[in-house]
Amino acid sequence: MLNVNEIIGAFLVLFAIIDAFAAMPTIINLKKQGKTISASKAALYSSVMLLIFFYVGDVMLRLFHIDLPSFAVAGSIVIFVIGLEMTLNIAIFRDSKTEGNDATFIPVVFPLLTGAGVFTTVLSIRAQYADINMLIAMGLNVVLIFIIIASIDYIEKFLGDAIIYMMQKFFGVILLSIALKLFITNITYIVEQI
């Protein structure tokens, strides 16, 4: 049953976790390194990832005998490394000849936009909202991802190098904080289960 309050609630929760605005400095940095990032592909991949999380997330974890906290800990480590790269201006991820020039799926869509935090959130909140409202909220977030990536060149020109550099540092620290929170919350749960 359509419910505007549920759509807004689910949208805001996902918006806060996906945080496409925080990904802007990383996307700009990747483009400066000569990587290509397609807005339409990012929207498509994000849609697919969100639908997989929504419909078969539990099944996938059970299939590989992985629990949600372990997946979240692994994802938090990747997010932490990306945050370190942004904050300290270092390259930890090495370019591989097989990965090509397209950075749309890795690292932009996964794990940056739809990584472990989003996976965990979708599985956690889907019981609180009707399916149709969750799907609309996910769709609205995908539209926002498309708009941000499609207009990234204009955003970069508008903000300028100095502000982009400051945003990169700021959002690098934010990513580090998100990664630490995700790690601590889930590692605590894992330790308690042992």
N, C-alpha and C. Protein backbone atom coordinates (compact mmCIF):
# COMPACT_ATOMS: atom_id res chain seq x y z
N MET A 1 0.85 -1.19 0.00
CA MET A 1 0.00 0.00 0.00
C MET A 1 0.89 1.24 0.00
N LEU A 2 0.63 2.15 -0.93
CA LEU A 2 1.43 3.38 -1.03
C LEU A 2 1.23 4.25 0.20
N ASN A 3 2.35 4.71 0.76
CA ASN A 3 2.30 5.57 1.92
C ASN A 3 3.43 6.58 1.80
N VAL A 4 3.07 7.85 1.65
CA VAL A 4 4.06 8.91 1.44
C VAL A 4 5.03 9.00 2.61
N ASN A 5 4.53 8.87 3.82
CA ASN A 5 5.40 8.94 5.00
C ASN A 5 6.44 7.82 5.00
N GLU A 6 6.01 6.62 4.61
CA GLU A 6 6.95 5.50 4.53
C GLU A 6 7.99 5.73 3.43
N ILE A 7 7.54 6.26 2.29
CA ILE A 7 8.47 6.54 1.18
C ILE A 7 9.52 7.54 1.63
N ILE A 8 9.07 8.62 2.28
CA ILE A 8 10.00 9.66 2.75
C ILE A 8 10.95 9.09 3.80
N GLY A 9 10.40 8.31 4.74
CA GLY A 9 11.23 7.73 5.79
C GLY A 9 12.30 6.80 5.23
N ALA A 10 11.90 5.89 4.33
CA ALA A 10 12.86 4.95 3.73
C ALA A 10 13.86 5.70 2.85
N PHE A 11 13.38 6.71 2.11
CA PHE A 11 14.27 7.50 1.26
C PHE A 11 15.36 8.18 2.10
N LEU A 12 14.96 8.80 3.21
CA LEU A 12 15.92 9.53 4.03
C LEU A 12 16.95 8.61 4.67
N VAL A 13 16.50 7.44 5.12
CA VAL A 13 17.44 6.48 5.71
C VAL A 13 18.46 6.04 4.66
N LEU A 14 17.97 5.68 3.48
CA LEU A 14 18.88 5.24 2.41
C LEU A 14 19.76 6.38 1.91
N PHE A 15 19.18 7.58 1.82
CA PHE A 15 19.93 8.76 1.39
C PHE A 15 21.12 9.01 2.31
N ALA A 16 20.88 8.88 3.61
CA ALA A 16 21.95 9.11 4.59
C ALA A 16 23.04 8.06 4.48
N ILE A 17 22.67 6.82 4.18
CA ILE A 17 23.66 5.74 4.10
C ILE A 17 24.38 5.76 2.75
N ILE A 18 23.64 5.93 1.66
CA ILE A 18 24.26 5.97 0.33
C ILE A 18 25.17 7.19 0.22
N ASP A 19 24.68 8.34 0.68
CA ASP A 19 25.45 9.59 0.74
C ASP A 19 26.20 9.87 -0.56
N ALA A 20 25.43 10.03 -1.64
CA ALA A 20 26.02 10.28 -2.96
C ALA A 20 26.84 11.57 -2.98
N PHE A 21 26.45 12.55 -2.16
CA PHE A 21 27.22 13.81 -2.12
C PHE A 21 28.63 13.58 -1.60
N ALA A 22 28.77 12.68 -0.64
CA ALA A 22 30.10 12.39 -0.09
C ALA A 22 30.98 11.68 -1.11
N ALA A 23 30.36 11.04 -2.10
CA ALA A 23 31.14 10.33 -3.13
C ALA A 23 31.69 11.26 -4.19
N MET A 24 31.19 12.51 -4.24
CA MET A 24 31.62 13.43 -5.30
C MET A 24 33.14 13.62 -5.38
N PRO A 25 33.83 13.89 -4.27
CA PRO A 25 35.29 14.06 -4.39
C PRO A 25 36.00 12.82 -4.92
N THR A 26 35.54 11.64 -4.54
CA THR A 26 36.15 10.40 -5.04
C THR A 26 35.91 10.26 -6.53
N ILE A 27 34.70 10.56 -6.98
CA ILE A 27 34.37 10.47 -8.40
C ILE A 27 35.22 11.46 -9.20
N ILE A 28 35.34 12.68 -8.70
CA ILE A 28 36.16 13.70 -9.38
C ILE A 28 37.62 13.25 -9.43
N ASN A 29 38.11 12.71 -8.33
CA ASN A 29 39.50 12.23 -8.26
C ASN A 29 39.74 11.09 -9.26
N LEU A 30 38.80 10.17 -9.35
CA LEU A 30 38.93 9.06 -10.29
C LEU A 30 38.94 9.56 -11.73
N LYS A 31 38.10 10.56 -12.02
CA LYS A 31 38.07 11.13 -13.37
C LYS A 31 39.39 11.82 -13.70
N LYS A 32 39.99 12.47 -12.71
CA LYS A 32 41.29 13.12 -12.92
C LYS A 32 42.38 12.09 -13.20
N GLN A 33 42.21 10.87 -12.69
CA GLN A 33 43.16 9.79 -12.94
C GLN A 33 42.91 9.12 -14.30
N GLY A 34 41.95 9.65 -15.06
CA GLY A 34 41.66 9.11 -16.38
C GLY A 34 40.63 8.00 -16.40
N LYS A 35 39.99 7.75 -15.28
CA LYS A 35 38.96 6.71 -15.22
C LYS A 35 37.65 7.27 -15.78
N THR A 36 36.87 6.40 -16.40
CA THR A 36 35.56 6.81 -16.89
C THR A 36 34.49 6.32 -15.92
N ILE A 37 33.50 7.20 -15.71
CA ILE A 37 32.39 6.87 -14.83
C ILE A 37 31.12 7.29 -15.55
N SER A 38 30.27 6.33 -15.84
CA SER A 38 29.04 6.59 -16.58
C SER A 38 27.87 6.74 -15.62
N ALA A 39 27.15 7.85 -15.75
CA ALA A 39 25.99 8.10 -14.88
C ALA A 39 24.89 7.08 -15.13
N SER A 40 24.64 6.75 -16.39
CA SER A 40 23.57 5.79 -16.69
C SER A 40 23.93 4.39 -16.20
N LYS A 41 25.21 3.99 -16.39
CA LYS A 41 25.64 2.69 -15.88
C LYS A 41 25.59 2.66 -14.35
N ALA A 42 26.01 3.76 -13.71
CA ALA A 42 25.98 3.82 -12.25
C ALA A 42 24.56 3.68 -11.73
N ALA A 43 23.60 4.33 -12.41
CA ALA A 43 22.20 4.22 -12.01
C ALA A 43 21.70 2.79 -12.20
N LEU A 44 22.06 2.19 -13.34
CA LEU A 44 21.65 0.81 -13.61
C LEU A 44 22.25 -0.16 -12.60
N TYR A 45 23.57 -0.07 -12.39
CA TYR A 45 24.24 -0.96 -11.44
C TYR A 45 23.70 -0.77 -10.02
N SER A 46 23.47 0.49 -9.64
CA SER A 46 22.95 0.76 -8.29
C SER A 46 21.56 0.15 -8.14
N SER A 47 20.73 0.27 -9.18
CA SER A 47 19.39 -0.33 -9.15
C SER A 47 19.48 -1.83 -8.95
N VAL A 48 20.35 -2.46 -9.74
CA VAL A 48 20.52 -3.91 -9.66
C VAL A 48 21.00 -4.32 -8.27
N MET A 49 22.00 -3.60 -7.75
CA MET A 49 22.53 -3.92 -6.42
C MET A 49 21.45 -3.79 -5.35
N LEU A 50 20.69 -2.69 -5.39
CA LEU A 50 19.64 -2.47 -4.39
C LEU A 50 18.56 -3.54 -4.48
N LEU A 51 18.19 -3.92 -5.71
CA LEU A 51 17.18 -4.97 -5.86
C LEU A 51 17.69 -6.32 -5.38
N ILE A 52 18.97 -6.60 -5.65
CA ILE A 52 19.56 -7.85 -5.14
C ILE A 52 19.56 -7.84 -3.62
N PHE A 53 20.00 -6.72 -3.03
CA PHE A 53 20.00 -6.62 -1.56
C PHE A 53 18.58 -6.85 -1.03
N PHE A 54 17.61 -6.22 -1.70
CA PHE A 54 16.23 -6.24 -1.21
C PHE A 54 15.60 -7.62 -1.32
N TYR A 55 15.78 -8.27 -2.47
CA TYR A 55 15.07 -9.53 -2.71
C TYR A 55 15.85 -10.78 -2.33
N VAL A 56 17.16 -10.78 -2.51
CA VAL A 56 17.90 -12.01 -2.27
C VAL A 56 19.10 -11.84 -1.34
N GLY A 57 19.16 -10.73 -0.63
CA GLY A 57 20.30 -10.48 0.26
C GLY A 57 20.50 -11.56 1.29
N ASP A 58 19.42 -11.93 1.98
CA ASP A 58 19.50 -12.98 3.00
C ASP A 58 19.94 -14.31 2.39
N VAL A 59 19.36 -14.63 1.23
CA VAL A 59 19.66 -15.90 0.56
C VAL A 59 21.13 -15.96 0.15
N MET A 60 21.64 -14.84 -0.40
CA MET A 60 23.05 -14.80 -0.82
C MET A 60 23.99 -15.05 0.35
N LEU A 61 23.71 -14.42 1.47
CA LEU A 61 24.58 -14.60 2.64
C LEU A 61 24.54 -16.04 3.12
N ARG A 62 23.34 -16.61 3.16
CA ARG A 62 23.21 -18.01 3.60
C ARG A 62 23.91 -18.96 2.63
N LEU A 63 23.82 -18.65 1.32
CA LEU A 63 24.44 -19.49 0.29
C LEU A 63 25.95 -19.60 0.50
N PHE A 64 26.58 -18.48 0.86
CA PHE A 64 28.04 -18.46 1.07
C PHE A 64 28.42 -18.65 2.54
N HIS A 65 27.42 -18.96 3.37
CA HIS A 65 27.64 -19.17 4.82
C HIS A 65 28.31 -17.96 5.46
N ILE A 66 27.82 -16.78 5.09
CA ILE A 66 28.34 -15.52 5.65
C ILE A 66 27.22 -14.87 6.43
N ASP A 67 27.53 -14.42 7.63
CA ASP A 67 26.51 -13.68 8.37
C ASP A 67 26.64 -12.19 8.05
N LEU A 68 25.58 -11.45 8.33
CA LEU A 68 25.53 -10.03 8.00
C LEU A 68 26.63 -9.23 8.68
N PRO A 69 26.91 -9.47 9.97
CA PRO A 69 28.00 -8.71 10.61
C PRO A 69 29.37 -8.95 9.96
N SER A 70 29.66 -10.17 9.54
CA SER A 70 30.94 -10.45 8.89
C SER A 70 31.05 -9.72 7.56
N PHE A 71 29.95 -9.70 6.80
CA PHE A 71 29.92 -8.97 5.53
C PHE A 71 30.14 -7.48 5.77
N ALA A 72 29.49 -6.96 6.80
CA ALA A 72 29.62 -5.54 7.12
C ALA A 72 31.05 -5.19 7.55
N VAL A 73 31.71 -6.08 8.30
CA VAL A 73 33.10 -5.84 8.72
C VAL A 73 34.00 -5.79 7.49
N ALA A 74 33.82 -6.74 6.56
CA ALA A 74 34.65 -6.75 5.35
C ALA A 74 34.42 -5.49 4.53
N GLY A 75 33.17 -5.08 4.38
CA GLY A 75 32.86 -3.86 3.64
C GLY A 75 33.43 -2.62 4.31
N SER A 76 33.42 -2.61 5.65
CA SER A 76 33.94 -1.45 6.38
C SER A 76 35.44 -1.29 6.14
N ILE A 77 36.14 -2.39 5.96
CA ILE A 77 37.59 -2.32 5.70
C ILE A 77 37.86 -1.66 4.34
N VAL A 78 37.07 -2.03 3.33
CA VAL A 78 37.22 -1.42 2.00
C VAL A 78 36.91 0.07 2.06
N ILE A 79 35.81 0.44 2.74
CA ILE A 79 35.44 1.85 2.88
C ILE A 79 36.53 2.61 3.63
N PHE A 80 37.12 1.98 4.65
CA PHE A 80 38.19 2.60 5.42
C PHE A 80 39.39 2.91 4.52
N VAL A 81 39.75 1.97 3.66
CA VAL A 81 40.89 2.16 2.75
C VAL A 81 40.62 3.31 1.79
N ILE A 82 39.40 3.38 1.25
CA ILE A 82 39.04 4.49 0.35
C ILE A 82 39.13 5.82 1.10
N GLY A 83 38.67 5.84 2.36
CA GLY A 83 38.76 7.05 3.18
C GLY A 83 40.20 7.46 3.43
N LEU A 84 41.08 6.47 3.66
CA LEU A 84 42.50 6.77 3.84
C LEU A 84 43.10 7.38 2.58
N GLU A 85 42.76 6.83 1.44
CA GLU A 85 43.26 7.38 0.17
C GLU A 85 42.84 8.83 0.00
N MET A 86 41.58 9.12 0.29
CA MET A 86 41.07 10.48 0.13
C MET A 86 41.72 11.44 1.11
N THR A 87 41.89 11.01 2.35
CA THR A 87 42.39 11.89 3.39
C THR A 87 43.89 12.13 3.28
N LEU A 88 44.64 11.09 2.97
CA LEU A 88 46.10 11.19 3.01
C LEU A 88 46.76 11.35 1.64
N ASN A 89 45.95 11.41 0.58
CA ASN A 89 46.49 11.51 -0.79
C ASN A 89 47.48 10.39 -1.11
N ILE A 90 47.07 9.17 -0.78
CA ILE A 90 47.93 8.02 -1.09
C ILE A 90 47.14 7.05 -1.97
N ALA A 91 47.84 6.19 -2.69
CA ALA A 91 47.18 5.18 -3.52
C ALA A 91 47.43 3.81 -2.92
N ILE A 92 46.38 3.24 -2.38
CA ILE A 92 46.48 1.89 -1.80
C ILE A 92 46.01 0.87 -2.82
N PHE A 93 44.86 1.17 -3.48
CA PHE A 93 44.38 0.30 -4.53
C PHE A 93 45.25 0.49 -5.76
N ARG A 94 45.79 -0.59 -6.27
CA ARG A 94 46.64 -0.54 -7.46
C ARG A 94 45.80 -0.78 -8.70
N ASP A 95 46.15 -0.07 -9.78
CA ASP A 95 45.47 -0.33 -11.05
C ASP A 95 45.88 -1.70 -11.56
N SER A 96 44.91 -2.44 -12.03
CA SER A 96 45.22 -3.74 -12.61
C SER A 96 44.89 -3.70 -14.09
N LYS A 97 45.65 -4.43 -14.87
CA LYS A 97 45.45 -4.41 -16.32
C LYS A 97 44.10 -4.99 -16.69
N THR A 98 43.57 -5.85 -15.86
CA THR A 98 42.30 -6.49 -16.20
C THR A 98 41.09 -5.61 -15.88
N GLU A 99 41.25 -4.63 -15.01
CA GLU A 99 40.06 -3.87 -14.61
C GLU A 99 39.70 -2.78 -15.58
N GLY A 100 40.61 -2.44 -16.51
CA GLY A 100 40.29 -1.45 -17.54
C GLY A 100 40.20 -0.04 -16.99
N ASN A 101 39.57 0.80 -17.77
CA ASN A 101 39.52 2.23 -17.44
C ASN A 101 38.21 2.63 -16.80
N ASP A 102 37.25 1.73 -16.76
CA ASP A 102 35.91 2.05 -16.24
C ASP A 102 35.86 1.82 -14.73
N ALA A 103 35.63 2.90 -14.00
CA ALA A 103 35.55 2.82 -12.53
C ALA A 103 34.11 2.91 -12.06
N THR A 104 33.15 2.71 -12.97
CA THR A 104 31.74 2.90 -12.60
C THR A 104 31.29 1.90 -11.54
N PHE A 105 31.52 0.61 -11.82
CA PHE A 105 31.04 -0.38 -10.84
C PHE A 105 31.94 -0.44 -9.62
N ILE A 106 33.23 -0.69 -9.83
CA ILE A 106 34.19 -0.72 -8.72
C ILE A 106 35.15 0.44 -8.93
N PRO A 107 35.31 1.36 -8.03
CA PRO A 107 34.79 1.38 -6.67
C PRO A 107 33.57 2.27 -6.47
N VAL A 108 33.04 2.92 -7.54
CA VAL A 108 31.99 3.92 -7.32
C VAL A 108 30.69 3.30 -6.82
N VAL A 109 30.10 2.39 -7.62
CA VAL A 109 28.83 1.80 -7.20
C VAL A 109 29.05 0.86 -6.01
N PHE A 110 30.05 0.00 -6.14
CA PHE A 110 30.35 -0.91 -5.04
C PHE A 110 31.84 -0.85 -4.73
N PRO A 111 32.26 -0.48 -3.55
CA PRO A 111 31.49 -0.41 -2.33
C PRO A 111 31.06 1.01 -1.92
N LEU A 112 31.42 2.04 -2.71
CA LEU A 112 31.22 3.41 -2.25
C LEU A 112 29.75 3.78 -2.09
N LEU A 113 28.93 3.56 -3.12
CA LEU A 113 27.53 3.98 -3.04
C LEU A 113 26.63 2.88 -2.50
N THR A 114 26.81 1.66 -2.95
CA THR A 114 25.92 0.58 -2.51
C THR A 114 26.76 -0.57 -1.94
N GLY A 115 27.46 -0.29 -0.88
CA GLY A 115 28.33 -1.27 -0.25
C GLY A 115 27.68 -1.94 0.94
N ALA A 116 28.53 -2.35 1.87
CA ALA A 116 28.08 -3.13 3.03
C ALA A 116 27.08 -2.36 3.89
N GLY A 117 27.29 -1.05 4.03
CA GLY A 117 26.39 -0.25 4.85
C GLY A 117 24.98 -0.21 4.28
N VAL A 118 24.88 -0.06 2.96
CA VAL A 118 23.58 -0.04 2.29
C VAL A 118 22.94 -1.43 2.35
N PHE A 119 23.75 -2.46 2.11
CA PHE A 119 23.27 -3.84 2.19
C PHE A 119 22.65 -4.11 3.56
N THR A 120 23.40 -3.76 4.60
CA THR A 120 22.94 -3.97 5.96
C THR A 120 21.67 -3.18 6.23
N THR A 121 21.64 -1.93 5.77
CA THR A 121 20.48 -1.05 6.00
C THR A 121 19.24 -1.59 5.31
N VAL A 122 19.37 -1.98 4.04
CA VAL A 122 18.21 -2.50 3.29
C VAL A 122 17.64 -3.73 3.99
N LEU A 123 18.52 -4.64 4.41
CA LEU A 123 18.03 -5.85 5.09
C LEU A 123 17.41 -5.51 6.44
N SER A 124 17.94 -4.48 7.09
CA SER A 124 17.46 -4.13 8.42
C SER A 124 16.10 -3.42 8.39
N ILE A 125 15.90 -2.53 7.40
CA ILE A 125 14.68 -1.70 7.43
C ILE A 125 13.55 -2.24 6.56
N ARG A 126 13.81 -3.27 5.77
CA ARG A 126 12.74 -3.71 4.86
C ARG A 126 11.52 -4.23 5.60
N ALA A 127 11.68 -4.69 6.83
CA ALA A 127 10.53 -5.16 7.61
C ALA A 127 9.69 -4.00 8.11
N GLN A 128 10.26 -2.79 8.15
CA GLN A 128 9.54 -1.63 8.69
C GLN A 128 8.64 -0.96 7.66
N TYR A 129 8.90 -1.20 6.38
CA TYR A 129 8.17 -0.50 5.33
C TYR A 129 7.56 -1.49 4.34
N ALA A 130 6.44 -1.10 3.74
CA ALA A 130 5.83 -1.92 2.70
C ALA A 130 6.78 -1.99 1.50
N ASP A 131 6.76 -3.12 0.81
CA ASP A 131 7.69 -3.33 -0.31
C ASP A 131 7.63 -2.20 -1.34
N ILE A 132 6.42 -1.80 -1.72
CA ILE A 132 6.27 -0.77 -2.75
C ILE A 132 6.91 0.55 -2.32
N ASN A 133 6.78 0.88 -1.05
CA ASN A 133 7.36 2.13 -0.54
C ASN A 133 8.88 2.06 -0.51
N MET A 134 9.41 0.90 -0.15
CA MET A 134 10.87 0.70 -0.18
C MET A 134 11.40 0.81 -1.60
N LEU A 135 10.70 0.19 -2.55
CA LEU A 135 11.15 0.21 -3.94
C LEU A 135 11.14 1.63 -4.51
N ILE A 136 10.11 2.41 -4.17
CA ILE A 136 10.06 3.80 -4.63
C ILE A 136 11.20 4.60 -4.01
N ALA A 137 11.44 4.40 -2.71
CA ALA A 137 12.53 5.11 -2.02
C ALA A 137 13.88 4.76 -2.63
N MET A 138 14.08 3.48 -2.97
CA MET A 138 15.33 3.07 -3.61
C MET A 138 15.45 3.72 -4.99
N GLY A 139 14.33 3.75 -5.73
CA GLY A 139 14.33 4.37 -7.06
C GLY A 139 14.68 5.85 -7.00
N LEU A 140 14.16 6.56 -6.01
CA LEU A 140 14.46 7.99 -5.86
C LEU A 140 15.94 8.20 -5.57
N ASN A 141 16.52 7.33 -4.77
CA ASN A 141 17.96 7.43 -4.49
C ASN A 141 18.79 7.16 -5.73
N VAL A 142 18.35 6.23 -6.56
CA VAL A 142 19.06 5.94 -7.81
C VAL A 142 19.01 7.15 -8.74
N VAL A 143 17.85 7.82 -8.81
CA VAL A 143 17.73 9.03 -9.62
C VAL A 143 18.72 10.09 -9.13
N LEU A 144 18.84 10.23 -7.82
CA LEU A 144 19.79 11.19 -7.25
C LEU A 144 21.23 10.83 -7.61
N ILE A 145 21.57 9.55 -7.56
CA ILE A 145 22.91 9.10 -7.96
C ILE A 145 23.17 9.48 -9.41
N PHE A 146 22.18 9.24 -10.28
CA PHE A 146 22.33 9.58 -11.70
C PHE A 146 22.58 11.08 -11.87
N ILE A 147 21.78 11.90 -11.22
CA ILE A 147 21.90 13.36 -11.36
C ILE A 147 23.27 13.84 -10.91
N ILE A 148 23.75 13.34 -9.78
CA ILE A 148 25.05 13.78 -9.25
C ILE A 148 26.18 13.38 -10.19
N ILE A 149 26.18 12.13 -10.65
CA ILE A 149 27.27 11.68 -11.52
C ILE A 149 27.20 12.35 -12.89
N ALA A 150 25.97 12.52 -13.40
CA ALA A 150 25.82 13.16 -14.72
C ALA A 150 26.27 14.61 -14.71
N SER A 151 26.14 15.28 -13.56
CA SER A 151 26.49 16.70 -13.50
C SER A 151 27.82 16.95 -12.77
N ILE A 152 28.64 15.90 -12.60
CA ILE A 152 29.87 16.02 -11.81
C ILE A 152 30.85 17.03 -12.41
N ASP A 153 30.91 17.13 -13.75
CA ASP A 153 31.83 18.10 -14.37
C ASP A 153 31.39 19.53 -14.06
N TYR A 154 30.09 19.76 -14.11
CA TYR A 154 29.57 21.10 -13.79
C TYR A 154 29.78 21.42 -12.32
N ILE A 155 29.58 20.43 -11.47
CA ILE A 155 29.79 20.63 -10.03
C ILE A 155 31.26 20.98 -9.77
N GLU A 156 32.16 20.26 -10.44
CA GLU A 156 33.59 20.52 -10.26
C GLU A 156 33.96 21.94 -10.70
N LYS A 157 33.45 22.37 -11.86
CA LYS A 157 33.73 23.72 -12.35
C LYS A 157 33.15 24.78 -11.42
N PHE A 158 31.94 24.51 -10.93
CA PHE A 158 31.27 25.47 -10.06
C PHE A 158 31.99 25.62 -8.73
N LEU A 159 32.41 24.50 -8.15
CA LEU A 159 33.04 24.55 -6.82
C LEU A 159 34.51 24.95 -6.88
N GLY A 160 35.22 24.55 -7.93
CA GLY A 160 36.64 24.88 -8.05
C GLY A 160 37.52 23.87 -7.32
N ASP A 161 38.80 23.88 -7.67
CA ASP A 161 39.75 22.90 -7.13
C ASP A 161 39.92 22.99 -5.61
N ALA A 162 39.96 24.21 -5.08
CA ALA A 162 40.21 24.37 -3.64
C ALA A 162 39.08 23.77 -2.81
N ILE A 163 37.84 24.04 -3.21
CA ILE A 163 36.70 23.51 -2.45
C ILE A 163 36.60 22.00 -2.63
N ILE A 164 36.86 21.51 -3.84
CA ILE A 164 36.86 20.06 -4.08
C ILE A 164 37.91 19.39 -3.19
N TYR A 165 39.09 20.00 -3.09
CA TYR A 165 40.16 19.44 -2.25
C TYR A 165 39.71 19.39 -0.78
N MET A 166 39.09 20.48 -0.31
CA MET A 166 38.60 20.50 1.07
C MET A 166 37.51 19.46 1.28
N MET A 167 36.61 19.33 0.29
CA MET A 167 35.55 18.32 0.38
C MET A 167 36.13 16.92 0.41
N GLN A 168 37.17 16.70 -0.40
CA GLN A 168 37.80 15.38 -0.43
C GLN A 168 38.34 15.01 0.95
N LYS A 169 39.00 15.96 1.59
CA LYS A 169 39.53 15.70 2.94
C LYS A 169 38.40 15.47 3.94
N PHE A 170 37.39 16.35 3.88
CA PHE A 170 36.27 16.27 4.82
C PHE A 170 35.54 14.94 4.67
N PHE A 171 35.17 14.61 3.43
CA PHE A 171 34.42 13.37 3.21
C PHE A 171 35.30 12.14 3.38
N GLY A 172 36.61 12.29 3.22
CA GLY A 172 37.52 11.20 3.54
C GLY A 172 37.44 10.84 5.01
N VAL A 173 37.42 11.87 5.84
CA VAL A 173 37.29 11.65 7.30
C VAL A 173 35.91 11.08 7.62
N ILE A 174 34.87 11.56 6.92
CA ILE A 174 33.52 11.02 7.13
C ILE A 174 33.49 9.53 6.77
N LEU A 175 34.10 9.17 5.64
CA LEU A 175 34.16 7.76 5.25
C LEU A 175 34.90 6.93 6.29
N LEU A 176 36.00 7.47 6.80
CA LEU A 176 36.74 6.76 7.85
C LEU A 176 35.84 6.55 9.08
N SER A 177 35.07 7.57 9.43
CA SER A 177 34.18 7.48 10.60
C SER A 177 33.08 6.44 10.38
N ILE A 178 32.48 6.47 9.17
CA ILE A 178 31.44 5.50 8.85
C ILE A 178 32.02 4.08 8.90
N ALA A 179 33.22 3.92 8.33
CA ALA A 179 33.86 2.60 8.32
C ALA A 179 34.13 2.11 9.73
N LEU A 180 34.64 3.00 10.58
CA LEU A 180 34.93 2.61 11.97
C LEU A 180 33.66 2.24 12.72
N LYS A 181 32.60 3.04 12.52
CA LYS A 181 31.35 2.74 13.21
C LYS A 181 30.80 1.39 12.75
N LEU A 182 30.81 1.17 11.43
CA LEU A 182 30.34 -0.09 10.87
C LEU A 182 31.17 -1.26 11.40
N PHE A 183 32.50 -1.06 11.45
CA PHE A 183 33.40 -2.10 11.93
C PHE A 183 33.15 -2.41 13.41
N ILE A 184 33.15 -1.37 14.24
CA ILE A 184 33.02 -1.57 15.69
C ILE A 184 31.68 -2.19 16.05
N THR A 185 30.60 -1.69 15.44
CA THR A 185 29.27 -2.23 15.72
C THR A 185 29.20 -3.71 15.41
N ASN A 186 29.74 -4.10 14.25
CA ASN A 186 29.61 -5.48 13.82
C ASN A 186 30.65 -6.41 14.42
N ILE A 187 31.86 -5.90 14.67
CA ILE A 187 32.88 -6.75 15.30
C ILE A 187 32.49 -7.03 16.75
N THR A 188 31.85 -6.05 17.39
CA THR A 188 31.35 -6.25 18.76
C THR A 188 30.32 -7.38 18.79
N TYR A 189 29.41 -7.35 17.81
CA TYR A 189 28.41 -8.39 17.73
C TYR A 189 29.04 -9.77 17.51
N ILE A 190 30.04 -9.81 16.62
CA ILE A 190 30.72 -11.08 16.32
C ILE A 190 31.42 -11.62 17.57
N VAL A 191 32.13 -10.74 18.29
CA VAL A 191 32.84 -11.14 19.51
C VAL A 191 31.86 -11.64 20.56
N GLU A 192 30.71 -10.96 20.70
CA GLU A 192 29.72 -11.38 21.68
C GLU A 192 29.16 -12.77 21.35
N GLN A 193 29.07 -13.09 20.06
CA GLN A 193 28.55 -14.41 19.64
C GLN A 193 29.55 -15.52 19.91
N ILE A 194 30.85 -15.17 19.99
CA ILE A 194 31.88 -16.18 20.25
C ILE A 194 31.88 -16.46 21.73
